[in-house]
Amino acid sequence: MSLPELDLSIIPTWRQGYRFQFEPAQNAYVLLYPEGMIKLNQSASEIGQHIDGQNSIADIIQKVTAKFGDIPEIKQDIIEYMLVAQREHWIDLA
């Protein structure tokens, strides 16, 4: 499966009004926004922890790979996450 084209030097940021945080009541990371909350799975949580306005997509790939090892799907999974999160208006890719 080929990777979609995405500039890995882009620094993703959470959109205004969205907040990523650990929610003890859910025992999970969540994305809070004015209309509600999204409980994130483990993969999305790992990626989300590195969306801080400082890390590029390439940096995030490197950090997640360093934690979990050189799993071939990591890069593709992170790129797909970024594209879905952008489509759902959770993040800005600028």
PDB file of N, CA and C in Angstrom:
ATOM      1  N   MET A   1       0.850  -1.186   0.000  1.00  0.00           N
ATOM      2  CA  MET A   1       0.000   0.000   0.000  1.00  0.00           C
ATOM      3  C   MET A   1       0.886   1.236   0.000  1.00  0.00           C
ATOM      4  N   SER A   2       0.648   2.144  -0.911  1.00  0.00           N
ATOM      5  CA  SER A   2       1.491   3.329  -0.994  1.00  0.00           C
ATOM      6  C   SER A   2       1.019   4.381  -0.002  1.00  0.00           C
ATOM      7  N   LEU A   3       1.981   5.152   0.477  1.00  0.00           N
ATOM      8  CA  LEU A   3       1.668   6.215   1.417  1.00  0.00           C
ATOM      9  C   LEU A   3       1.111   7.418   0.684  1.00  0.00           C
ATOM     10  N   PRO A   4       0.090   8.056   1.256  1.00  0.00           N
ATOM     11  CA  PRO A   4      -0.381   9.302   0.664  1.00  0.00           C
ATOM     12  C   PRO A   4       0.734  10.340   0.755  1.00  0.00           C
ATOM     13  N   GLU A   5       0.711  11.305  -0.135  1.00  0.00           N
ATOM     14  CA  GLU A   5       1.710  12.367  -0.109  1.00  0.00           C
ATOM     15  C   GLU A   5       1.393  13.325   1.040  1.00  0.00           C
ATOM     16  N   LEU A   6       2.393  13.565   1.865  1.00  0.00           N
ATOM     17  CA  LEU A   6       2.249  14.506   2.967  1.00  0.00           C
ATOM     18  C   LEU A   6       3.638  15.022   3.298  1.00  0.00           C
ATOM     19  N   ASP A   7       3.778  16.321   3.392  1.00  0.00           N
ATOM     20  CA  ASP A   7       5.061  16.932   3.717  1.00  0.00           C
ATOM     21  C   ASP A   7       5.372  16.647   5.184  1.00  0.00           C
ATOM     22  N   LEU A   8       6.400  15.834   5.426  1.00  0.00           N
ATOM     23  CA  LEU A   8       6.720  15.414   6.789  1.00  0.00           C
ATOM     24  C   LEU A   8       7.356  16.522   7.619  1.00  0.00           C
ATOM     25  N   SER A   9       7.667  17.662   7.000  1.00  0.00           N
ATOM     26  CA  SER A   9       8.227  18.785   7.756  1.00  0.00           C
ATOM     27  C   SER A   9       7.121  19.650   8.381  1.00  0.00           C
ATOM     28  N   ILE A  10       5.872  19.368   8.042  1.00  0.00           N
ATOM     29  CA  ILE A  10       4.734  20.108   8.599  1.00  0.00           C
ATOM     30  C   ILE A  10       4.664  19.866  10.108  1.00  0.00           C
ATOM     31  N   ILE A  11       4.363  20.924  10.849  1.00  0.00           N
ATOM     32  CA  ILE A  11       4.186  20.820  12.296  1.00  0.00           C
ATOM     33  C   ILE A  11       2.690  20.863  12.591  1.00  0.00           C
ATOM     34  N   PRO A  12       2.109  19.720  12.971  1.00  0.00           N
ATOM     35  CA  PRO A  12       0.670  19.711  13.264  1.00  0.00           C
ATOM     36  C   PRO A  12       0.368  20.399  14.597  1.00  0.00           C
ATOM     37  N   THR A  13      -0.777  21.045  14.659  1.00  0.00           N
ATOM     38  CA  THR A  13      -1.247  21.671  15.895  1.00  0.00           C
ATOM     39  C   THR A  13      -2.713  21.321  16.090  1.00  0.00           C
ATOM     40  N   TRP A  14      -3.118  21.228  17.349  1.00  0.00           N
ATOM     41  CA  TRP A  14      -4.541  21.028  17.635  1.00  0.00           C
ATOM     42  C   TRP A  14      -5.282  22.288  17.230  1.00  0.00           C
ATOM     43  N   ARG A  15      -6.442  22.123  16.670  1.00  0.00           N
ATOM     44  CA  ARG A  15      -7.238  23.295  16.263  1.00  0.00           C
ATOM     45  C   ARG A  15      -7.679  24.076  17.485  1.00  0.00           C
ATOM     46  N   GLN A  16      -7.922  25.347  17.288  1.00  0.00           N
ATOM     47  CA  GLN A  16      -8.415  26.183  18.377  1.00  0.00           C
ATOM     48  C   GLN A  16      -9.706  25.578  18.924  1.00  0.00           C
ATOM     49  N   GLY A  17      -9.797  25.486  20.242  1.00  0.00           N
ATOM     50  CA  GLY A  17     -10.973  24.909  20.875  1.00  0.00           C
ATOM     51  C   GLY A  17     -10.853  23.417  21.159  1.00  0.00           C
ATOM     52  N   TYR A  18      -9.785  22.779  20.680  1.00  0.00           N
ATOM     53  CA  TYR A  18      -9.548  21.358  20.922  1.00  0.00           C
ATOM     54  C   TYR A  18      -8.425  21.200  21.935  1.00  0.00           C
ATOM     55  N   ARG A  19      -8.617  20.298  22.887  1.00  0.00           N
ATOM     56  CA  ARG A  19      -7.587  20.072  23.904  1.00  0.00           C
ATOM     57  C   ARG A  19      -7.373  18.574  24.086  1.00  0.00           C
ATOM     58  N   PHE A  20      -6.131  18.152  23.975  1.00  0.00           N
ATOM     59  CA  PHE A  20      -5.725  16.762  24.161  1.00  0.00           C
ATOM     60  C   PHE A  20      -5.266  16.620  25.608  1.00  0.00           C
ATOM     61  N   GLN A  21      -5.825  15.646  26.311  1.00  0.00           N
ATOM     62  CA  GLN A  21      -5.419  15.450  27.703  1.00  0.00           C
ATOM     63  C   GLN A  21      -5.758  14.039  28.170  1.00  0.00           C
ATOM     64  N   PHE A  22      -5.088  13.631  29.266  1.00  0.00           N
ATOM     65  CA  PHE A  22      -5.433  12.359  29.898  1.00  0.00           C
ATOM     66  C   PHE A  22      -6.621  12.603  30.808  1.00  0.00           C
ATOM     67  N   GLU A  23      -7.611  11.747  30.697  1.00  0.00           N
ATOM     68  CA  GLU A  23      -8.831  11.882  31.489  1.00  0.00           C
ATOM     69  C   GLU A  23      -8.927  10.679  32.434  1.00  0.00           C
ATOM     70  N   PRO A  24      -8.634  10.890  33.727  1.00  0.00           N
ATOM     71  CA  PRO A  24      -8.650   9.759  34.670  1.00  0.00           C
ATOM     72  C   PRO A  24      -9.978   9.001  34.703  1.00  0.00           C
ATOM     73  N   ALA A  25     -11.098   9.714  34.584  1.00  0.00           N
ATOM     74  CA  ALA A  25     -12.400   9.048  34.626  1.00  0.00           C
ATOM     75  C   ALA A  25     -12.562   8.062  33.468  1.00  0.00           C
ATOM     76  N   GLN A  26     -11.921   8.352  32.344  1.00  0.00           N
ATOM     77  CA  GLN A  26     -11.981   7.471  31.169  1.00  0.00           C
ATOM     78  C   GLN A  26     -10.812   6.489  31.150  1.00  0.00           C
ATOM     79  N   ASN A  27      -9.794   6.752  32.002  1.00  0.00           N
ATOM     80  CA  ASN A  27      -8.545   5.992  32.004  1.00  0.00           C
ATOM     81  C   ASN A  27      -7.956   5.950  30.599  1.00  0.00           C
ATOM     82  N   ALA A  28      -8.010   7.103  29.941  1.00  0.00           N
ATOM     83  CA  ALA A  28      -7.544   7.175  28.552  1.00  0.00           C
ATOM     84  C   ALA A  28      -7.291   8.636  28.193  1.00  0.00           C
ATOM     85  N   TYR A  29      -6.539   8.818  27.115  1.00  0.00           N
ATOM     86  CA  TYR A  29      -6.403  10.154  26.552  1.00  0.00           C
ATOM     87  C   TYR A  29      -7.671  10.475  25.775  1.00  0.00           C
ATOM     88  N   VAL A  30      -8.037  11.742  25.833  1.00  0.00           N
ATOM     89  CA  VAL A  30      -9.237  12.194  25.139  1.00  0.00           C
ATOM     90  C   VAL A  30      -8.921  13.490  24.406  1.00  0.00           C
ATOM     91  N   LEU A  31      -9.767  13.796  23.466  1.00  0.00           N
ATOM     92  CA  LEU A  31      -9.716  15.076  22.768  1.00  0.00           C
ATOM     93  C   LEU A  31     -11.009  15.805  23.118  1.00  0.00           C
ATOM     94  N   LEU A  32     -10.858  16.889  23.874  1.00  0.00           N
ATOM     95  CA  LEU A  32     -12.017  17.677  24.284  1.00  0.00           C
ATOM     96  C   LEU A  32     -12.235  18.797  23.281  1.00  0.00           C
ATOM     97  N   TYR A  33     -13.488  19.064  22.991  1.00  0.00           N
ATOM     98  CA  TYR A  33     -13.838  20.153  22.090  1.00  0.00           C
ATOM     99  C   TYR A  33     -15.206  20.675  22.519  1.00  0.00           C
ATOM    100  N   PRO A  34     -15.621  21.852  22.036  1.00  0.00           N
ATOM    101  CA  PRO A  34     -16.840  22.474  22.564  1.00  0.00           C
ATOM    102  C   PRO A  34     -18.082  21.581  22.530  1.00  0.00           C
ATOM    103  N   GLU A  35     -18.207  20.736  21.522  1.00  0.00           N
ATOM    104  CA  GLU A  35     -19.413  19.912  21.403  1.00  0.00           C
ATOM    105  C   GLU A  35     -19.315  18.579  22.133  1.00  0.00           C
ATOM    106  N   GLY A  36     -18.149  18.250  22.696  1.00  0.00           N
ATOM    107  CA  GLY A  36     -18.051  16.960  23.373  1.00  0.00           C
ATOM    108  C   GLY A  36     -16.631  16.486  23.588  1.00  0.00           C
ATOM    109  N   MET A  37     -16.482  15.158  23.508  1.00  0.00           N
ATOM    110  CA  MET A  37     -15.211  14.524  23.817  1.00  0.00           C
ATOM    111  C   MET A  37     -15.053  13.277  22.946  1.00  0.00           C
ATOM    112  N   ILE A  38     -13.818  13.042  22.517  1.00  0.00           N
ATOM    113  CA  ILE A  38     -13.491  11.832  21.769  1.00  0.00           C
ATOM    114  C   ILE A  38     -12.502  11.041  22.601  1.00  0.00           C
ATOM    115  N   LYS A  39     -12.833   9.814  22.944  1.00  0.00           N
ATOM    116  CA  LYS A  39     -11.897   8.937  23.647  1.00  0.00           C
ATOM    117  C   LYS A  39     -10.991   8.300  22.591  1.00  0.00           C
ATOM    118  N   LEU A  40      -9.681   8.467  22.773  1.00  0.00           N
ATOM    119  CA  LEU A  40      -8.723   8.004  21.782  1.00  0.00           C
ATOM    120  C   LEU A  40      -8.190   6.619  22.123  1.00  0.00           C
ATOM    121  N   ASN A  41      -7.936   5.826  21.084  1.00  0.00           N
ATOM    122  CA  ASN A  41      -7.333   4.518  21.311  1.00  0.00           C
ATOM    123  C   ASN A  41      -5.845   4.696  21.600  1.00  0.00           C
ATOM    124  N   GLN A  42      -5.150   3.598  21.896  1.00  0.00           N
ATOM    125  CA  GLN A  42      -3.748   3.688  22.303  1.00  0.00           C
ATOM    126  C   GLN A  42      -2.875   4.292  21.203  1.00  0.00           C
ATOM    127  N   SER A  43      -3.088   3.894  19.966  1.00  0.00           N
ATOM    128  CA  SER A  43      -2.277   4.425  18.867  1.00  0.00           C
ATOM    129  C   SER A  43      -2.472   5.925  18.719  1.00  0.00           C
ATOM    130  N   ALA A  44      -3.708   6.365  18.705  1.00  0.00           N
ATOM    131  CA  ALA A  44      -3.996   7.796  18.572  1.00  0.00           C
ATOM    132  C   ALA A  44      -3.441   8.570  19.762  1.00  0.00           C
ATOM    133  N   SER A  45      -3.476   7.967  20.942  1.00  0.00           N
ATOM    134  CA  SER A  45      -2.935   8.620  22.134  1.00  0.00           C
ATOM    135  C   SER A  45      -1.433   8.804  22.035  1.00  0.00           C
ATOM    136  N   GLU A  46      -0.742   7.778  21.558  1.00  0.00           N
ATOM    137  CA  GLU A  46       0.714   7.867  21.402  1.00  0.00           C
ATOM    138  C   GLU A  46       1.093   8.987  20.437  1.00  0.00           C
ATOM    139  N   ILE A  47       0.372   9.093  19.347  1.00  0.00           N
ATOM    140  CA  ILE A  47       0.645  10.140  18.362  1.00  0.00           C
ATOM    141  C   ILE A  47       0.280  11.504  18.946  1.00  0.00           C
ATOM    142  N   GLY A  48      -0.892  11.592  19.549  1.00  0.00           N
ATOM    143  CA  GLY A  48      -1.384  12.858  20.080  1.00  0.00           C
ATOM    144  C   GLY A  48      -0.483  13.480  21.123  1.00  0.00           C
ATOM    145  N   GLN A  49       0.222  12.646  21.885  1.00  0.00           N
ATOM    146  CA  GLN A  49       1.117  13.161  22.919  1.00  0.00           C
ATOM    147  C   GLN A  49       2.248  14.003  22.332  1.00  0.00           C
ATOM    148  N   HIS A  50       2.526  13.834  21.054  1.00  0.00           N
ATOM    149  CA  HIS A  50       3.629  14.550  20.419  1.00  0.00           C
ATOM    150  C   HIS A  50       3.161  15.734  19.566  1.00  0.00           C
ATOM    151  N   ILE A  51       1.842  15.952  19.487  1.00  0.00           N
ATOM    152  CA  ILE A  51       1.330  17.118  18.757  1.00  0.00           C
ATOM    153  C   ILE A  51       1.332  18.282  19.739  1.00  0.00           C
ATOM    154  N   ASP A  52       2.376  19.106  19.634  1.00  0.00           N
ATOM    155  CA  ASP A  52       2.576  20.172  20.618  1.00  0.00           C
ATOM    156  C   ASP A  52       2.961  21.505  19.988  1.00  0.00           C
ATOM    157  N   GLY A  53       2.850  21.592  18.665  1.00  0.00           N
ATOM    158  CA  GLY A  53       3.232  22.827  17.997  1.00  0.00           C
ATOM    159  C   GLY A  53       4.731  22.974  17.813  1.00  0.00           C
ATOM    160  N   GLN A  54       5.501  21.984  18.237  1.00  0.00           N
ATOM    161  CA  GLN A  54       6.959  21.998  18.114  1.00  0.00           C
ATOM    162  C   GLN A  54       7.453  20.885  17.195  1.00  0.00           C
ATOM    163  N   ASN A  55       6.834  19.707  17.307  1.00  0.00           N
ATOM    164  CA  ASN A  55       7.273  18.525  16.564  1.00  0.00           C
ATOM    165  C   ASN A  55       6.671  18.485  15.165  1.00  0.00           C
ATOM    166  N   SER A  56       7.528  18.244  14.179  1.00  0.00           N
ATOM    167  CA  SER A  56       7.031  18.007  12.816  1.00  0.00           C
ATOM    168  C   SER A  56       6.500  16.581  12.733  1.00  0.00           C
ATOM    169  N   ILE A  57       5.836  16.279  11.647  1.00  0.00           N
ATOM    170  CA  ILE A  57       5.357  14.909  11.442  1.00  0.00           C
ATOM    171  C   ILE A  57       6.551  13.951  11.436  1.00  0.00           C
ATOM    172  N   ALA A  58       7.670  14.357  10.814  1.00  0.00           N
ATOM    173  CA  ALA A  58       8.876  13.515  10.817  1.00  0.00           C
ATOM    174  C   ALA A  58       9.376  13.280  12.239  1.00  0.00           C
ATOM    175  N   ASP A  59       9.336  14.322  13.078  1.00  0.00           N
ATOM    176  CA  ASP A  59       9.751  14.179  14.480  1.00  0.00           C
ATOM    177  C   ASP A  59       8.850  13.181  15.201  1.00  0.00           C
ATOM    178  N   ILE A  60       7.557  13.286  14.964  1.00  0.00           N
ATOM    179  CA  ILE A  60       6.602  12.390  15.626  1.00  0.00           C
ATOM    180  C   ILE A  60       6.862  10.951  15.196  1.00  0.00           C
ATOM    181  N   ILE A  61       7.091  10.735  13.912  1.00  0.00           N
ATOM    182  CA  ILE A  61       7.415   9.389  13.425  1.00  0.00           C
ATOM    183  C   ILE A  61       8.653   8.875  14.136  1.00  0.00           C
ATOM    184  N   GLN A  62       9.683   9.708  14.250  1.00  0.00           N
ATOM    185  CA  GLN A  62      10.925   9.305  14.903  1.00  0.00           C
ATOM    186  C   GLN A  62      10.695   8.964  16.372  1.00  0.00           C
ATOM    187  N   LYS A  63       9.935   9.775  17.082  1.00  0.00           N
ATOM    188  CA  LYS A  63       9.703   9.557  18.514  1.00  0.00           C
ATOM    189  C   LYS A  63       8.888   8.286  18.771  1.00  0.00           C
ATOM    190  N   VAL A  64       7.850   8.072  17.973  1.00  0.00           N
ATOM    191  CA  VAL A  64       7.031   6.871  18.149  1.00  0.00           C
ATOM    192  C   VAL A  64       7.839   5.625  17.768  1.00  0.00           C
ATOM    193  N   THR A  65       8.636   5.721  16.715  1.00  0.00           N
ATOM    194  CA  THR A  65       9.492   4.605  16.316  1.00  0.00           C
ATOM    195  C   THR A  65      10.517   4.289  17.408  1.00  0.00           C
ATOM    196  N   ALA A  66      11.089   5.334  18.031  1.00  0.00           N
ATOM    197  CA  ALA A  66      12.066   5.123  19.102  1.00  0.00           C
ATOM    198  C   ALA A  66      11.432   4.382  20.277  1.00  0.00           C
ATOM    199  N   LYS A  67      10.166   4.641  20.537  1.00  0.00           N
ATOM    200  CA  LYS A  67       9.489   4.006  21.671  1.00  0.00           C
ATOM    201  C   LYS A  67       9.092   2.563  21.361  1.00  0.00           C
ATOM    202  N   PHE A  68       8.631   2.303  20.148  1.00  0.00           N
ATOM    203  CA  PHE A  68       8.065   0.991  19.831  1.00  0.00           C
ATOM    204  C   PHE A  68       8.939   0.131  18.921  1.00  0.00           C
ATOM    205  N   GLY A  69      10.034   0.675  18.433  1.00  0.00           N
ATOM    206  CA  GLY A  69      10.880  -0.088  17.527  1.00  0.00           C
ATOM    207  C   GLY A  69      10.515   0.206  16.082  1.00  0.00           C
ATOM    208  N   ASP A  70      11.322  -0.312  15.213  1.00  0.00           N
ATOM    209  CA  ASP A  70      11.184  -0.017  13.787  1.00  0.00           C
ATOM    210  C   ASP A  70      10.124  -0.921  13.153  1.00  0.00           C
ATOM    211  N   ILE A  71       8.878  -0.657  13.512  1.00  0.00           N
ATOM    212  CA  ILE A  71       7.753  -1.418  12.964  1.00  0.00           C
ATOM    213  C   ILE A  71       7.379  -0.763  11.635  1.00  0.00           C
ATOM    214  N   PRO A  72       7.349  -1.533  10.549  1.00  0.00           N
ATOM    215  CA  PRO A  72       7.136  -0.930   9.222  1.00  0.00           C
ATOM    216  C   PRO A  72       5.867  -0.089   9.106  1.00  0.00           C
ATOM    217  N   GLU A  73       4.810  -0.419   9.828  1.00  0.00           N
ATOM    218  CA  GLU A  73       3.535   0.279   9.684  1.00  0.00           C
ATOM    219  C   GLU A  73       3.488   1.616  10.395  1.00  0.00           C
ATOM    220  N   ILE A  74       4.453   1.906  11.272  1.00  0.00           N
ATOM    221  CA  ILE A  74       4.368   3.122  12.088  1.00  0.00           C
ATOM    222  C   ILE A  74       4.251   4.370  11.214  1.00  0.00           C
ATOM    223  N   LYS A  75       5.127   4.517  10.240  1.00  0.00           N
ATOM    224  CA  LYS A  75       5.099   5.724   9.406  1.00  0.00           C
ATOM    225  C   LYS A  75       3.754   5.875   8.712  1.00  0.00           C
ATOM    226  N   GLN A  76       3.270   4.795   8.117  1.00  0.00           N
ATOM    227  CA  GLN A  76       1.985   4.839   7.415  1.00  0.00           C
ATOM    228  C   GLN A  76       0.855   5.155   8.384  1.00  0.00           C
ATOM    229  N   ASP A  77       0.867   4.536   9.563  1.00  0.00           N
ATOM    230  CA  ASP A  77      -0.190   4.775  10.542  1.00  0.00           C
ATOM    231  C   ASP A  77      -0.221   6.238  10.988  1.00  0.00           C
ATOM    232  N   ILE A  78       0.950   6.832  11.191  1.00  0.00           N
ATOM    233  CA  ILE A  78       1.004   8.226  11.632  1.00  0.00           C
ATOM    234  C   ILE A  78       0.528   9.157  10.522  1.00  0.00           C
ATOM    235  N   ILE A  79       0.948   8.900   9.304  1.00  0.00           N
ATOM    236  CA  ILE A  79       0.489   9.726   8.184  1.00  0.00           C
ATOM    237  C   ILE A  79      -1.028   9.614   8.033  1.00  0.00           C
ATOM    238  N   GLU A  80      -1.563   8.403   8.123  1.00  0.00           N
ATOM    239  CA  GLU A  80      -3.018   8.223   8.018  1.00  0.00           C
ATOM    240  C   GLU A  80      -3.734   8.942   9.154  1.00  0.00           C
ATOM    241  N   TYR A  81      -3.179   8.872  10.372  1.00  0.00           N
ATOM    242  CA  TYR A  81      -3.776   9.572  11.504  1.00  0.00           C
ATOM    243  C   TYR A  81      -3.838  11.075  11.222  1.00  0.00           C
ATOM    244  N   MET A  82      -2.722  11.627  10.736  1.00  0.00           N
ATOM    245  CA  MET A  82      -2.681  13.065  10.457  1.00  0.00           C
ATOM    246  C   MET A  82      -3.738  13.453   9.426  1.00  0.00           C
ATOM    247  N   LEU A  83      -3.888  12.654   8.393  1.00  0.00           N
ATOM    248  CA  LEU A  83      -4.865  12.965   7.347  1.00  0.00           C
ATOM    249  C   LEU A  83      -6.295  12.860   7.870  1.00  0.00           C
ATOM    250  N   VAL A  84      -6.570  11.840   8.675  1.00  0.00           N
ATOM    251  CA  VAL A  84      -7.915  11.683   9.259  1.00  0.00           C
ATOM    252  C   VAL A  84      -8.187  12.824  10.239  1.00  0.00           C
ATOM    253  N   ALA A  85      -7.218  13.126  11.099  1.00  0.00           N
ATOM    254  CA  ALA A  85      -7.402  14.191  12.091  1.00  0.00           C
ATOM    255  C   ALA A  85      -7.618  15.544  11.408  1.00  0.00           C
ATOM    256  N   GLN A  86      -6.937  15.763  10.291  1.00  0.00           N
ATOM    257  CA  GLN A  86      -7.150  17.001   9.537  1.00  0.00           C
ATOM    258  C   GLN A  86      -8.551  17.010   8.925  1.00  0.00           C
ATOM    259  N   ARG A  87      -8.948  15.892   8.334  1.00  0.00           N
ATOM    260  CA  ARG A  87     -10.273  15.789   7.713  1.00  0.00           C
ATOM    261  C   ARG A  87     -11.378  15.992   8.751  1.00  0.00           C
ATOM    262  N   GLU A  88     -11.162  15.489   9.979  1.00  0.00           N
ATOM    263  CA  GLU A  88     -12.158  15.624  11.047  1.00  0.00           C
ATOM    264  C   GLU A  88     -12.072  16.981  11.757  1.00  0.00           C
ATOM    265  N   HIS A  89     -11.118  17.816  11.315  1.00  0.00           N
ATOM    266  CA  HIS A  89     -10.927  19.163  11.861  1.00  0.00           C
ATOM    267  C   HIS A  89     -10.409  19.158  13.294  1.00  0.00           C
ATOM    268  N   TRP A  90      -9.649  18.121  13.687  1.00  0.00           N
ATOM    269  CA  TRP A  90      -9.028  18.068  15.010  1.00  0.00           C
ATOM    270  C   TRP A  90      -7.725  18.841  15.009  1.00  0.00           C
ATOM    271  N   ILE A  91      -6.984  18.757  13.880  1.00  0.00           N
ATOM    272  CA  ILE A  91      -5.672  19.391  13.796  1.00  0.00           C
ATOM    273  C   ILE A  91      -5.584  20.274  12.568  1.00  0.00           C
ATOM    274  N   ASP A  92      -4.611  21.174  12.623  1.00  0.00           N
ATOM    275  CA  ASP A  92      -4.250  21.976  11.459  1.00  0.00           C
ATOM    276  C   ASP A  92      -2.884  21.502  10.991  1.00  0.00           C
ATOM    277  N   LEU A  93      -2.737  21.363   9.707  1.00  0.00           N
ATOM    278  CA  LEU A  93      -1.448  21.015   9.095  1.00  0.00           C
ATOM    279  C   LEU A  93      -1.010  22.218   8.285  1.00  0.00           C
ATOM    280  N   ALA A  94      -0.171  23.051   8.871  1.00  0.00           N
ATOM    281  CA  ALA A  94       0.233  24.279   8.191  1.00  0.00           C
ATOM    282  C   ALA A  94       1.737  24.402   8.141  1.00  0.00           C
TER     283      ALA A  94
END
